[in-house]
């Protein structure tokens, strides 16, 4: 019986190595984490985000009583969320490289810097 177990050990180890290789490949191919940006207290949090071309941010209105907006106006890219009600969200995908400012149309002092490389 002990001899049979020793013969199975290399097979078990090979299976484990193959399973780990497949799992690590699956993990490596997962998309980048979502970049969550909060709108609360007339501020974006965080106030600065770095992305790669094609990535997105999800802007979430975390205020209980304020409606917000999120818009970008640049030469190469424009976006306007319209009203973002409390608890709602808007997704902004950045298709080009550059430095962008996301503003709130309701609260003009709210600014989010987005750096896309």
C-alpha atoms as a PDB file:
ATOM      1  CA  UNK A   1       0.000   0.000   0.000  1.00  0.00           C
ATOM      2  CA  UNK A   2       2.829   2.422   0.837  1.00  0.00           C
ATOM      3  CA  UNK A   3       4.445   1.767  -2.569  1.00  0.00           C
ATOM      4  CA  UNK A   4       1.201   2.659  -4.376  1.00  0.00           C
ATOM      5  CA  UNK A   5       1.024   5.942  -2.483  1.00  0.00           C
ATOM      6  CA  UNK A   6       4.608   6.774  -3.498  1.00  0.00           C
ATOM      7  CA  UNK A   7       3.745   6.126  -7.142  1.00  0.00           C
ATOM      8  CA  UNK A   8       0.767   8.460  -6.897  1.00  0.00           C
ATOM      9  CA  UNK A   9       2.762  11.301  -5.338  1.00  0.00           C
ATOM     10  CA  UNK A  10       4.358  12.507  -8.629  1.00  0.00           C
ATOM     11  CA  UNK A  11       0.964  12.387 -10.346  1.00  0.00           C
ATOM     12  CA  UNK A  12      -0.626  14.432  -7.552  1.00  0.00           C
ATOM     13  CA  UNK A  13       2.231  16.950  -7.597  1.00  0.00           C
ATOM     14  CA  UNK A  14       1.995  17.305 -11.390  1.00  0.00           C
ATOM     15  CA  UNK A  15      -1.754  17.893 -11.123  1.00  0.00           C
ATOM     16  CA  UNK A  16      -1.177  20.531  -8.457  1.00  0.00           C
ATOM     17  CA  UNK A  17       1.430  22.338 -10.589  1.00  0.00           C
ATOM     18  CA  UNK A  18      -0.870  22.312 -13.632  1.00  0.00           C
ATOM     19  CA  UNK A  19      -3.806  23.584 -11.556  1.00  0.00           C
ATOM     20  CA  UNK A  20      -1.719  26.441 -10.151  1.00  0.00           C
ATOM     21  CA  UNK A  21      -0.451  27.371 -13.626  1.00  0.00           C
ATOM     22  CA  UNK A  22      -3.982  27.481 -15.020  1.00  0.00           C
ATOM     23  CA  UNK A  23      -5.258  29.489 -12.039  1.00  0.00           C
ATOM     24  CA  UNK A  24      -2.432  32.034 -12.251  1.00  0.00           C
ATOM     25  CA  UNK A  25      -3.095  32.489 -15.966  1.00  0.00           C
ATOM     26  CA  UNK A  26      -6.758  33.142 -15.251  1.00  0.00           C
ATOM     27  CA  UNK A  27      -5.886  35.686 -12.579  1.00  0.00           C
ATOM     28  CA  UNK A  28      -3.398  37.442 -14.855  1.00  0.00           C
ATOM     29  CA  UNK A  29      -6.039  37.849 -17.546  1.00  0.00           C
ATOM     30  CA  UNK A  30      -8.596  39.537 -15.298  1.00  0.00           C
ATOM     31  CA  UNK A  31      -9.349  43.156 -16.229  1.00  0.00           C
ATOM     32  CA  UNK A  32      -7.917  45.991 -14.150  1.00  0.00           C
ATOM     33  CA  UNK A  33      -9.773  46.878 -10.989  1.00  0.00           C
ATOM     34  CA  UNK A  34     -12.591  49.360 -11.289  1.00  0.00           C
ATOM     35  CA  UNK A  35     -11.665  52.888 -10.259  1.00  0.00           C
ATOM     36  CA  UNK A  36     -14.417  54.101  -7.922  1.00  0.00           C
ATOM     37  CA  UNK A  37     -14.718  57.858  -7.385  1.00  0.00           C
ATOM     38  CA  UNK A  38     -17.087  59.195  -4.748  1.00  0.00           C
ATOM     39  CA  UNK A  39     -19.038  62.442  -4.955  1.00  0.00           C
ATOM     40  CA  UNK A  40     -19.730  63.502  -1.388  1.00  0.00           C
ATOM     41  CA  UNK A  41     -19.717  66.795   0.471  1.00  0.00           C
ATOM     42  CA  UNK A  42     -19.191  68.744  -2.770  1.00  0.00           C
ATOM     43  CA  UNK A  43     -15.913  66.870  -3.401  1.00  0.00           C
ATOM     44  CA  UNK A  44     -14.614  64.067  -5.585  1.00  0.00           C
ATOM     45  CA  UNK A  45     -12.742  61.422  -3.641  1.00  0.00           C
ATOM     46  CA  UNK A  46     -10.050  60.691  -4.505  1.00  0.00           C
ATOM     47  CA  UNK A  47      -9.297  63.970  -6.250  1.00  0.00           C
ATOM     48  CA  UNK A  48      -6.710  62.500  -8.606  1.00  0.00           C
ATOM     49  CA  UNK A  49      -6.806  59.240 -10.630  1.00  0.00           C
ATOM     50  CA  UNK A  50      -4.275  57.588 -12.972  1.00  0.00           C
ATOM     51  CA  UNK A  51      -5.573  55.276 -15.725  1.00  0.00           C
ATOM     52  CA  UNK A  52      -4.467  53.497 -18.873  1.00  0.00           C
ATOM     53  CA  UNK A  53      -6.112  54.244 -22.216  1.00  0.00           C
ATOM     54  CA  UNK A  54      -9.483  52.465 -22.388  1.00  0.00           C
ATOM     55  CA  UNK A  55      -9.954  52.179 -18.623  1.00  0.00           C
ATOM     56  CA  UNK A  56     -12.885  53.750 -16.846  1.00  0.00           C
ATOM     57  CA  UNK A  57     -13.927  55.344 -13.601  1.00  0.00           C
ATOM     58  CA  UNK A  58     -17.235  54.817 -11.872  1.00  0.00           C
ATOM     59  CA  UNK A  59     -18.488  58.033 -10.294  1.00  0.00           C
ATOM     60  CA  UNK A  60     -20.849  57.312  -7.396  1.00  0.00           C
ATOM     61  CA  UNK A  61     -23.044  59.951  -5.775  1.00  0.00           C
ATOM     62  CA  UNK A  62     -22.563  59.141  -2.096  1.00  0.00           C
ATOM     63  CA  UNK A  63     -24.486  62.199  -0.892  1.00  0.00           C
ATOM     64  CA  UNK A  64     -27.918  61.706   0.659  1.00  0.00           C
ATOM     65  CA  UNK A  65     -29.458  64.990  -0.494  1.00  0.00           C
ATOM     66  CA  UNK A  66     -27.412  66.429  -3.375  1.00  0.00           C
ATOM     67  CA  UNK A  67     -27.764  65.729  -7.080  1.00  0.00           C
ATOM     68  CA  UNK A  68     -24.406  65.769  -8.873  1.00  0.00           C
ATOM     69  CA  UNK A  69     -23.160  65.601 -12.434  1.00  0.00           C
ATOM     70  CA  UNK A  70     -19.893  64.530 -14.025  1.00  0.00           C
ATOM     71  CA  UNK A  71     -18.668  66.005 -17.273  1.00  0.00           C
ATOM     72  CA  UNK A  72     -15.483  66.277 -19.295  1.00  0.00           C
ATOM     73  CA  UNK A  73     -14.851  68.808 -22.056  1.00  0.00           C
ATOM     74  CA  UNK A  74     -11.543  68.347 -23.866  1.00  0.00           C
ATOM     75  CA  UNK A  75     -10.318  68.616 -27.459  1.00  0.00           C
ATOM     76  CA  UNK A  76     -10.040  64.843 -27.826  1.00  0.00           C
ATOM     77  CA  UNK A  77     -12.854  63.658 -25.575  1.00  0.00           C
ATOM     78  CA  UNK A  78     -16.191  64.813 -24.139  1.00  0.00           C
ATOM     79  CA  UNK A  79     -18.627  63.239 -21.669  1.00  0.00           C
ATOM     80  CA  UNK A  80     -21.732  64.412 -19.814  1.00  0.00           C
ATOM     81  CA  UNK A  81     -23.466  62.184 -17.282  1.00  0.00           C
ATOM     82  CA  UNK A  82     -26.527  64.364 -16.842  1.00  0.00           C
ATOM     83  CA  UNK A  83     -27.950  64.309 -13.318  1.00  0.00           C
ATOM     84  CA  UNK A  84     -26.573  61.676 -10.947  1.00  0.00           C
ATOM     85  CA  UNK A  85     -29.155  61.200  -8.218  1.00  0.00           C
ATOM     86  CA  UNK A  86     -28.131  60.211  -4.663  1.00  0.00           C
ATOM     87  CA  UNK A  87     -26.955  56.581  -4.710  1.00  0.00           C
ATOM     88  CA  UNK A  88     -26.694  56.493  -8.515  1.00  0.00           C
ATOM     89  CA  UNK A  89     -23.512  56.168 -10.572  1.00  0.00           C
ATOM     90  CA  UNK A  90     -22.038  57.068 -13.949  1.00  0.00           C
ATOM     91  CA  UNK A  91     -19.254  55.267 -15.802  1.00  0.00           C
ATOM     92  CA  UNK A  92     -16.733  57.309 -17.793  1.00  0.00           C
ATOM     93  CA  UNK A  93     -14.395  55.466 -20.168  1.00  0.00           C
ATOM     94  CA  UNK A  94     -11.277  57.358 -21.253  1.00  0.00           C
ATOM     95  CA  UNK A  95     -10.441  56.361 -24.855  1.00  0.00           C
ATOM     96  CA  UNK A  96      -7.444  58.628 -25.363  1.00  0.00           C
ATOM     97  CA  UNK A  97      -4.251  59.555 -23.582  1.00  0.00           C
ATOM     98  CA  UNK A  98      -4.082  62.882 -21.806  1.00  0.00           C
ATOM     99  CA  UNK A  99      -4.814  64.854 -18.671  1.00  0.00           C
ATOM    100  CA  UNK A 100      -8.502  65.510 -18.091  1.00  0.00           C
ATOM    101  CA  UNK A 101     -10.599  67.362 -15.546  1.00  0.00           C
ATOM    102  CA  UNK A 102     -13.948  65.924 -14.510  1.00  0.00           C
ATOM    103  CA  UNK A 103     -16.285  68.607 -13.208  1.00  0.00           C
ATOM    104  CA  UNK A 104     -19.684  68.663 -11.511  1.00  0.00           C
ATOM    105  CA  UNK A 105     -22.145  70.905 -13.346  1.00  0.00           C
ATOM    106  CA  UNK A 106     -24.106  71.475 -10.127  1.00  0.00           C
ATOM    107  CA  UNK A 107     -21.107  72.288  -7.911  1.00  0.00           C
ATOM    108  CA  UNK A 108     -18.503  74.087 -10.077  1.00  0.00           C
ATOM    109  CA  UNK A 109     -15.727  73.911  -7.465  1.00  0.00           C
ATOM    110  CA  UNK A 110     -15.752  70.087  -7.577  1.00  0.00           C
ATOM    111  CA  UNK A 111     -12.813  68.897  -9.689  1.00  0.00           C
ATOM    112  CA  UNK A 112     -11.297  65.502 -10.380  1.00  0.00           C
ATOM    113  CA  UNK A 113      -7.946  65.206 -12.192  1.00  0.00           C
ATOM    114  CA  UNK A 114      -7.662  62.128 -14.453  1.00  0.00           C
ATOM    115  CA  UNK A 115      -4.297  61.216 -15.974  1.00  0.00           C
ATOM    116  CA  UNK A 116      -4.516  58.686 -18.823  1.00  0.00           C
ATOM    117  CA  UNK A 117      -1.357  57.043 -20.195  1.00  0.00           C
END
